[in-house]
Amino acid sequence: MEITIEKFDHRVHRLYFDMLYDLETLVHELEKEQWHPYGMETAVEHNLWTGKRFKLHHPKSPIIREISEYFARQEVREYVVEQLYSHDHMFSVNWQMYPWRMIENTELHAEWTKDLPGFECGIHCDMRRLVATGMIYLTPHDSEEWCSYFYQNPNREDPVRVPADYATGWIHANSWNTWHDGWNRSDQVRYSMLLGLTLRLEHQPDASDNPHKSV
């Protein structure tokens, strides 16, 4: 398995993932898993997408676990951090950290995500604990019906779209002006992996903080 990150736009980078498995195999495994509503799997209850977005944090499939474990590797996190620094000359200034320090203070994970038809994620910047976020599409081909757009401001000026082909996607540094949105406007389930390079806090919040967490 291997990811590759390339410069795409000043706001976002293109990501390619050689995961060794085709879409049919992966979907077969994902459909056997137990999915939970998104709002029940967050540290703070969040029900904006009730009935439309679902998460898988503890997969049983050996294939799905293998992929999750890949993104948790030290060398993968190192690669992601190095690419973020090399593609954005202001990254070190904004964070006031050299790459080695950022690697020490973050963790990388992949969140398995299932979005039903009608899912809409309005324009937003990501939560402050995220240094960078990304998305790998598990879709049969590129389509504007299941994609994300990136903008210069909350008025959606200067939009740019990264193609949504299978096992490709995007990653970008999170900041106060990294506006983006996305959706599933197709008639199919959209599977994806959401990537998070997250600050490692002394008292790290997780889903167990949520009193309404699903079981």
C-alpha atoms as a PDB file:
ATOM      1  CA  MET A   1       0.000   0.000   0.000  1.00  0.00           C
ATOM      2  CA  GLU A   2       1.173   3.502  -0.727  1.00  0.00           C
ATOM      3  CA  ILE A   3      -0.181   7.032  -0.858  1.00  0.00           C
ATOM      4  CA  THR A   4       1.140   9.770  -3.115  1.00  0.00           C
ATOM      5  CA  ILE A   5       0.427  13.474  -2.662  1.00  0.00           C
ATOM      6  CA  GLU A   6       0.828  16.006  -5.475  1.00  0.00           C
ATOM      7  CA  LYS A   7       0.317  19.762  -5.658  1.00  0.00           C
ATOM      8  CA  PHE A   8      -3.053  20.543  -7.257  1.00  0.00           C
ATOM      9  CA  ASP A   9      -4.022  24.078  -6.257  1.00  0.00           C
ATOM     10  CA  HIS A  10      -2.809  26.550  -3.644  1.00  0.00           C
ATOM     11  CA  ARG A  11      -5.730  25.406  -1.446  1.00  0.00           C
ATOM     12  CA  VAL A  12      -5.666  21.651  -1.852  1.00  0.00           C
ATOM     13  CA  HIS A  13      -3.446  18.741  -2.926  1.00  0.00           C
ATOM     14  CA  ARG A  14      -4.312  15.649  -4.982  1.00  0.00           C
ATOM     15  CA  LEU A  15      -3.981  12.286  -3.255  1.00  0.00           C
ATOM     16  CA  TYR A  16      -3.599   8.823  -4.806  1.00  0.00           C
ATOM     17  CA  PHE A  17      -3.873   5.598  -2.828  1.00  0.00           C
ATOM     18  CA  ASP A  18      -2.611   2.265  -4.111  1.00  0.00           C
ATOM     19  CA  MET A  19      -4.536   0.049  -1.701  1.00  0.00           C
ATOM     20  CA  LEU A  20      -4.234  -3.272  -3.571  1.00  0.00           C
ATOM     21  CA  TYR A  21      -8.007  -3.940  -3.477  1.00  0.00           C
ATOM     22  CA  ASP A  22     -10.608  -3.187  -6.119  1.00  0.00           C
ATOM     23  CA  LEU A  23     -13.887  -1.416  -5.426  1.00  0.00           C
ATOM     24  CA  GLU A  24     -16.031  -4.564  -5.574  1.00  0.00           C
ATOM     25  CA  THR A  25     -13.910  -6.313  -2.946  1.00  0.00           C
ATOM     26  CA  LEU A  26     -13.867  -3.310  -0.660  1.00  0.00           C
ATOM     27  CA  VAL A  27     -17.607  -2.616  -0.865  1.00  0.00           C
ATOM     28  CA  HIS A  28     -18.329  -6.288  -0.177  1.00  0.00           C
ATOM     29  CA  GLU A  29     -16.357  -6.000   3.064  1.00  0.00           C
ATOM     30  CA  LEU A  30     -17.850  -2.642   4.031  1.00  0.00           C
ATOM     31  CA  GLU A  31     -21.416  -3.858   3.584  1.00  0.00           C
ATOM     32  CA  LYS A  32     -20.846  -6.578   6.183  1.00  0.00           C
ATOM     33  CA  GLU A  33     -19.765  -4.091   8.854  1.00  0.00           C
ATOM     34  CA  GLN A  34     -21.903  -2.466  11.550  1.00  0.00           C
ATOM     35  CA  TRP A  35     -22.212   1.266  10.850  1.00  0.00           C
ATOM     36  CA  HIS A  36     -23.178   3.876  13.442  1.00  0.00           C
ATOM     37  CA  PRO A  37     -24.790   7.313  12.979  1.00  0.00           C
ATOM     38  CA  TYR A  38     -22.136   9.994  12.656  1.00  0.00           C
ATOM     39  CA  GLY A  39     -23.409  12.023  15.613  1.00  0.00           C
ATOM     40  CA  MET A  40     -23.087   9.057  17.943  1.00  0.00           C
ATOM     41  CA  GLU A  41     -19.413   8.534  17.070  1.00  0.00           C
ATOM     42  CA  THR A  42     -18.083  12.017  17.847  1.00  0.00           C
ATOM     43  CA  ALA A  43     -16.655  13.392  21.104  1.00  0.00           C
ATOM     44  CA  VAL A  44     -19.478  15.950  21.210  1.00  0.00           C
ATOM     45  CA  GLU A  45     -22.902  14.857  19.964  1.00  0.00           C
ATOM     46  CA  HIS A  46     -23.511  16.159  16.464  1.00  0.00           C
ATOM     47  CA  ASN A  47     -26.761  15.302  14.697  1.00  0.00           C
ATOM     48  CA  LEU A  48     -26.628  17.540  11.638  1.00  0.00           C
ATOM     49  CA  TRP A  49     -26.657  14.584   9.226  1.00  0.00           C
ATOM     50  CA  THR A  50     -29.063  12.221  10.990  1.00  0.00           C
ATOM     51  CA  GLY A  51     -29.942   9.356   8.681  1.00  0.00           C
ATOM     52  CA  LYS A  52     -27.473  10.458   5.966  1.00  0.00           C
ATOM     53  CA  ARG A  53     -23.913   9.949   7.302  1.00  0.00           C
ATOM     54  CA  PHE A  54     -22.580   6.882   9.115  1.00  0.00           C
ATOM     55  CA  LYS A  55     -19.177   5.958  10.562  1.00  0.00           C
ATOM     56  CA  LEU A  56     -17.160   2.782  11.069  1.00  0.00           C
ATOM     57  CA  HIS A  57     -14.442   3.122  13.718  1.00  0.00           C
ATOM     58  CA  HIS A  58     -13.883  -0.502  14.743  1.00  0.00           C
ATOM     59  CA  PRO A  59     -13.987  -2.693  11.607  1.00  0.00           C
ATOM     60  CA  LYS A  60     -14.027  -6.464  11.868  1.00  0.00           C
ATOM     61  CA  SER A  61     -12.927  -7.205   8.302  1.00  0.00           C
ATOM     62  CA  PRO A  62      -9.189  -8.033   8.073  1.00  0.00           C
ATOM     63  CA  ILE A  63      -9.022  -6.065   4.818  1.00  0.00           C
ATOM     64  CA  ILE A  64     -10.593  -2.951   6.321  1.00  0.00           C
ATOM     65  CA  ARG A  65      -8.411  -3.209   9.426  1.00  0.00           C
ATOM     66  CA  GLU A  66      -5.299  -3.592   7.290  1.00  0.00           C
ATOM     67  CA  ILE A  67      -6.068  -0.336   5.485  1.00  0.00           C
ATOM     68  CA  SER A  68      -6.853   1.489   8.751  1.00  0.00           C
ATOM     69  CA  GLU A  69      -3.593   0.292  10.263  1.00  0.00           C
ATOM     70  CA  TYR A  70      -1.656   1.532   7.248  1.00  0.00           C
ATOM     71  CA  PHE A  71      -2.700   5.127   7.933  1.00  0.00           C
ATOM     72  CA  ALA A  72      -1.753   4.805  11.593  1.00  0.00           C
ATOM     73  CA  ARG A  73       1.882   4.034  10.707  1.00  0.00           C
ATOM     74  CA  GLN A  74       4.606   6.454  11.737  1.00  0.00           C
ATOM     75  CA  GLU A  75       6.157   6.546   8.260  1.00  0.00           C
ATOM     76  CA  VAL A  76       2.827   7.428   6.629  1.00  0.00           C
ATOM     77  CA  ARG A  77       2.280  10.312   9.036  1.00  0.00           C
ATOM     78  CA  GLU A  78       5.831  11.482   8.370  1.00  0.00           C
ATOM     79  CA  TYR A  79       5.203  11.456   4.623  1.00  0.00           C
ATOM     80  CA  VAL A  80       1.959  13.425   4.948  1.00  0.00           C
ATOM     81  CA  VAL A  81       3.555  16.052   7.177  1.00  0.00           C
ATOM     82  CA  GLU A  82       6.575  16.410   4.889  1.00  0.00           C
ATOM     83  CA  GLN A  83       4.303  16.920   1.872  1.00  0.00           C
ATOM     84  CA  LEU A  84       2.235  19.558   3.645  1.00  0.00           C
ATOM     85  CA  TYR A  85       5.387  21.502   4.510  1.00  0.00           C
ATOM     86  CA  SER A  86       6.909  21.148   1.052  1.00  0.00           C
ATOM     87  CA  HIS A  87       3.773  22.318  -0.787  1.00  0.00           C
ATOM     88  CA  ASP A  88       2.922  25.269   1.491  1.00  0.00           C
ATOM     89  CA  HIS A  89       5.705  27.709   2.361  1.00  0.00           C
ATOM     90  CA  MET A  90       3.540  29.307   5.098  1.00  0.00           C
ATOM     91  CA  PHE A  91       2.782  26.046   6.878  1.00  0.00           C
ATOM     92  CA  SER A  92       5.775  26.237   9.239  1.00  0.00           C
ATOM     93  CA  VAL A  93       5.136  29.933   9.897  1.00  0.00           C
ATOM     94  CA  ASN A  94       1.438  29.412  10.666  1.00  0.00           C
ATOM     95  CA  TRP A  95       2.132  26.545  13.065  1.00  0.00           C
ATOM     96  CA  GLN A  96       5.511  27.726  14.366  1.00  0.00           C
ATOM     97  CA  MET A  97       6.793  24.158  14.208  1.00  0.00           C
ATOM     98  CA  TYR A  98       9.400  22.429  12.103  1.00  0.00           C
ATOM     99  CA  PRO A  99       8.264  19.143  10.502  1.00  0.00           C
ATOM    100  CA  TRP A 100       9.900  16.926  13.147  1.00  0.00           C
ATOM    101  CA  ARG A 101       7.958  18.708  15.889  1.00  0.00           C
ATOM    102  CA  MET A 102       4.670  18.444  13.980  1.00  0.00           C
ATOM    103  CA  ILE A 103       5.226  14.711  13.538  1.00  0.00           C
ATOM    104  CA  GLU A 104       5.763  14.328  17.296  1.00  0.00           C
ATOM    105  CA  ASN A 105       2.590  16.224  18.136  1.00  0.00           C
ATOM    106  CA  THR A 106       0.072  14.694  15.725  1.00  0.00           C
ATOM    107  CA  GLU A 107      -1.575  11.421  14.851  1.00  0.00           C
ATOM    108  CA  LEU A 108      -3.025  10.367  11.503  1.00  0.00           C
ATOM    109  CA  HIS A 109      -6.142   8.264  11.090  1.00  0.00           C
ATOM    110  CA  ALA A 110      -8.603   7.204   8.417  1.00  0.00           C
ATOM    111  CA  GLU A 111     -12.337   7.331   9.183  1.00  0.00           C
ATOM    112  CA  TRP A 112     -14.511   4.985   7.165  1.00  0.00           C
ATOM    113  CA  THR A 113     -17.562   6.937   6.064  1.00  0.00           C
ATOM    114  CA  LYS A 114     -20.863   6.001   4.446  1.00  0.00           C
ATOM    115  CA  ASP A 115     -22.975   8.790   2.940  1.00  0.00           C
ATOM    116  CA  LEU A 116     -26.474   8.029   1.707  1.00  0.00           C
ATOM    117  CA  PRO A 117     -28.137   9.806  -1.216  1.00  0.00           C
ATOM    118  CA  GLY A 118     -29.122  13.299  -0.169  1.00  0.00           C
ATOM    119  CA  PHE A 119     -26.130  13.888   2.108  1.00  0.00           C
ATOM    120  CA  GLU A 120     -25.061  17.553   2.059  1.00  0.00           C
ATOM    121  CA  CYS A 121     -22.112  19.001   3.959  1.00  0.00           C
ATOM    122  CA  GLY A 122     -22.469  22.781   3.742  1.00  0.00           C
ATOM    123  CA  ILE A 123     -19.604  25.181   3.303  1.00  0.00           C
ATOM    124  CA  HIS A 124     -17.274  25.167   6.305  1.00  0.00           C
ATOM    125  CA  CYS A 125     -13.749  25.128   7.683  1.00  0.00           C
ATOM    126  CA  ASP A 126     -12.806  22.106   9.769  1.00  0.00           C
ATOM    127  CA  MET A 127     -12.535  21.932  13.546  1.00  0.00           C
ATOM    128  CA  ARG A 128      -9.481  23.542  15.089  1.00  0.00           C
ATOM    129  CA  ARG A 129      -7.926  20.320  16.420  1.00  0.00           C
ATOM    130  CA  LEU A 130      -7.313  19.175  12.833  1.00  0.00           C
ATOM    131  CA  VAL A 131      -3.999  20.230  11.310  1.00  0.00           C
ATOM    132  CA  ALA A 132      -5.016  18.789   7.944  1.00  0.00           C
ATOM    133  CA  THR A 133      -7.927  16.861   6.503  1.00  0.00           C
ATOM    134  CA  GLY A 134      -8.376  14.687   3.454  1.00  0.00           C
ATOM    135  CA  MET A 135     -10.732  12.373   1.650  1.00  0.00           C
ATOM    136  CA  ILE A 136     -10.219   9.209  -0.405  1.00  0.00           C
ATOM    137  CA  TYR A 137     -13.156   8.361  -2.648  1.00  0.00           C
ATOM    138  CA  LEU A 138     -14.371   4.769  -2.801  1.00  0.00           C
ATOM    139  CA  THR A 139     -16.582   5.463  -5.812  1.00  0.00           C
ATOM    140  CA  PRO A 140     -16.635   3.779  -9.236  1.00  0.00           C
ATOM    141  CA  HIS A 141     -15.666   6.880 -11.229  1.00  0.00           C
ATOM    142  CA  ASP A 142     -15.374  10.652 -11.084  1.00  0.00           C
ATOM    143  CA  SER A 143     -18.645  12.563 -10.771  1.00  0.00           C
ATOM    144  CA  GLU A 144     -19.813  15.962  -9.603  1.00  0.00           C
ATOM    145  CA  GLU A 145     -22.649  14.098  -7.866  1.00  0.00           C
ATOM    146  CA  TRP A 146     -20.298  12.883  -5.099  1.00  0.00           C
ATOM    147  CA  CYS A 147     -17.472  15.347  -4.739  1.00  0.00           C
ATOM    148  CA  SER A 148     -16.040  18.289  -2.801  1.00  0.00           C
ATOM    149  CA  TYR A 149     -15.379  21.874  -3.834  1.00  0.00           C
ATOM    150  CA  PHE A 150     -12.854  24.337  -2.409  1.00  0.00           C
ATOM    151  CA  TYR A 151     -13.307  28.122  -2.333  1.00  0.00           C
ATOM    152  CA  GLN A 152     -11.517  31.374  -1.614  1.00  0.00           C
ATOM    153  CA  ASN A 153     -14.156  32.524   0.871  1.00  0.00           C
ATOM    154  CA  PRO A 154     -17.573  31.618   2.334  1.00  0.00           C
ATOM    155  CA  ASN A 155     -19.260  33.245  -0.680  1.00  0.00           C
ATOM    156  CA  ARG A 156     -17.978  30.304  -2.763  1.00  0.00           C
ATOM    157  CA  GLU A 157     -15.786  32.453  -4.998  1.00  0.00           C
ATOM    158  CA  ASP A 158     -13.144  30.855  -7.256  1.00  0.00           C
ATOM    159  CA  PRO A 159     -14.330  27.226  -6.871  1.00  0.00           C
ATOM    160  CA  VAL A 160     -12.025  24.321  -7.611  1.00  0.00           C
ATOM    161  CA  ARG A 161     -12.927  20.626  -7.652  1.00  0.00           C
ATOM    162  CA  VAL A 162     -10.598  17.675  -7.212  1.00  0.00           C
ATOM    163  CA  PRO A 163     -11.610  14.626  -9.327  1.00  0.00           C
ATOM    164  CA  ALA A 164     -13.394  11.870  -7.386  1.00  0.00           C
ATOM    165  CA  ASP A 165     -12.087   8.727  -9.090  1.00  0.00           C
ATOM    166  CA  TYR A 166     -11.722   5.473  -7.170  1.00  0.00           C
ATOM    167  CA  ALA A 167      -8.882   5.415  -4.609  1.00  0.00           C
ATOM    168  CA  THR A 168      -8.000   9.045  -5.254  1.00  0.00           C
ATOM    169  CA  GLY A 169      -8.922  12.190  -3.404  1.00  0.00           C
ATOM    170  CA  TRP A 170      -7.547  15.277  -1.729  1.00  0.00           C
ATOM    171  CA  ILE A 171      -5.792  16.591   1.351  1.00  0.00           C
ATOM    172  CA  HIS A 172      -5.357  20.156   2.558  1.00  0.00           C
ATOM    173  CA  ALA A 173      -3.949  22.104   5.476  1.00  0.00           C
ATOM    174  CA  ASN A 174      -6.708  23.293   7.772  1.00  0.00           C
ATOM    175  CA  SER A 175      -6.888  27.003   8.532  1.00  0.00           C
ATOM    176  CA  TRP A 176      -9.355  29.815   9.206  1.00  0.00           C
ATOM    177  CA  ASN A 177     -10.026  30.324   5.472  1.00  0.00           C
ATOM    178  CA  THR A 178      -9.972  26.804   4.005  1.00  0.00           C
ATOM    179  CA  TRP A 179     -13.601  26.879   2.888  1.00  0.00           C
ATOM    180  CA  HIS A 180     -15.040  23.750   1.272  1.00  0.00           C
ATOM    181  CA  ASP A 181     -18.239  21.771   0.920  1.00  0.00           C
ATOM    182  CA  GLY A 182     -19.326  18.388  -0.426  1.00  0.00           C
ATOM    183  CA  TRP A 183     -22.259  16.078  -0.994  1.00  0.00           C
ATOM    184  CA  ASN A 184     -23.742  12.870  -2.325  1.00  0.00           C
ATOM    185  CA  ARG A 185     -26.339  13.941  -4.868  1.00  0.00           C
ATOM    186  CA  SER A 186     -26.380  10.579  -6.607  1.00  0.00           C
ATOM    187  CA  ASP A 187     -28.813   7.699  -6.118  1.00  0.00           C
ATOM    188  CA  GLN A 188     -26.037   5.460  -4.734  1.00  0.00           C
ATOM    189  CA  VAL A 189     -24.308   5.031  -1.389  1.00  0.00           C
ATOM    190  CA  ARG A 190     -20.994   6.874  -1.323  1.00  0.00           C
ATOM    191  CA  TYR A 191     -18.206   5.199   0.646  1.00  0.00           C
ATOM    192  CA  SER A 192     -15.043   7.098   1.471  1.00  0.00           C
ATOM    193  CA  MET A 193     -12.190   7.432   3.904  1.00  0.00           C
ATOM    194  CA  LEU A 194     -11.830  10.766   5.681  1.00  0.00           C
ATOM    195  CA  LEU A 195      -8.254  11.466   6.745  1.00  0.00           C
ATOM    196  CA  GLY A 196      -7.393  13.507   9.815  1.00  0.00           C
ATOM    197  CA  LEU A 197      -3.987  14.744  10.902  1.00  0.00           C
ATOM    198  CA  THR A 198      -4.954  15.635  14.457  1.00  0.00           C
ATOM    199  CA  LEU A 199      -3.133  17.422  17.252  1.00  0.00           C
ATOM    200  CA  ARG A 200      -2.226  14.999  20.021  1.00  0.00           C
ATOM    201  CA  LEU A 201      -3.518  16.580  23.208  1.00  0.00           C
ATOM    202  CA  GLU A 202      -2.624  15.587  26.759  1.00  0.00           C
ATOM    203  CA  HIS A 203      -6.290  14.815  27.452  1.00  0.00           C
ATOM    204  CA  GLN A 204      -7.444  13.678  24.027  1.00  0.00           C
ATOM    205  CA  PRO A 205     -11.236  13.744  23.521  1.00  0.00           C
ATOM    206  CA  ASP A 206     -12.867  10.817  21.764  1.00  0.00           C
ATOM    207  CA  ALA A 207     -16.254   9.212  21.199  1.00  0.00           C
ATOM    208  CA  SER A 208     -16.345   7.852  24.763  1.00  0.00           C
ATOM    209  CA  ASP A 209     -16.972  11.448  25.917  1.00  0.00           C
ATOM    210  CA  ASN A 210     -20.349  11.392  24.172  1.00  0.00           C
ATOM    211  CA  PRO A 211     -23.051  10.300  26.650  1.00  0.00           C
ATOM    212  CA  HIS A 212     -25.254   9.178  23.723  1.00  0.00           C
ATOM    213  CA  LYS A 213     -22.567   7.091  21.977  1.00  0.00           C
ATOM    214  CA  SER A 214     -24.017   4.120  20.112  1.00  0.00           C
ATOM    215  CA  VAL A 215     -23.090   0.622  21.241  1.00  0.00           C
END
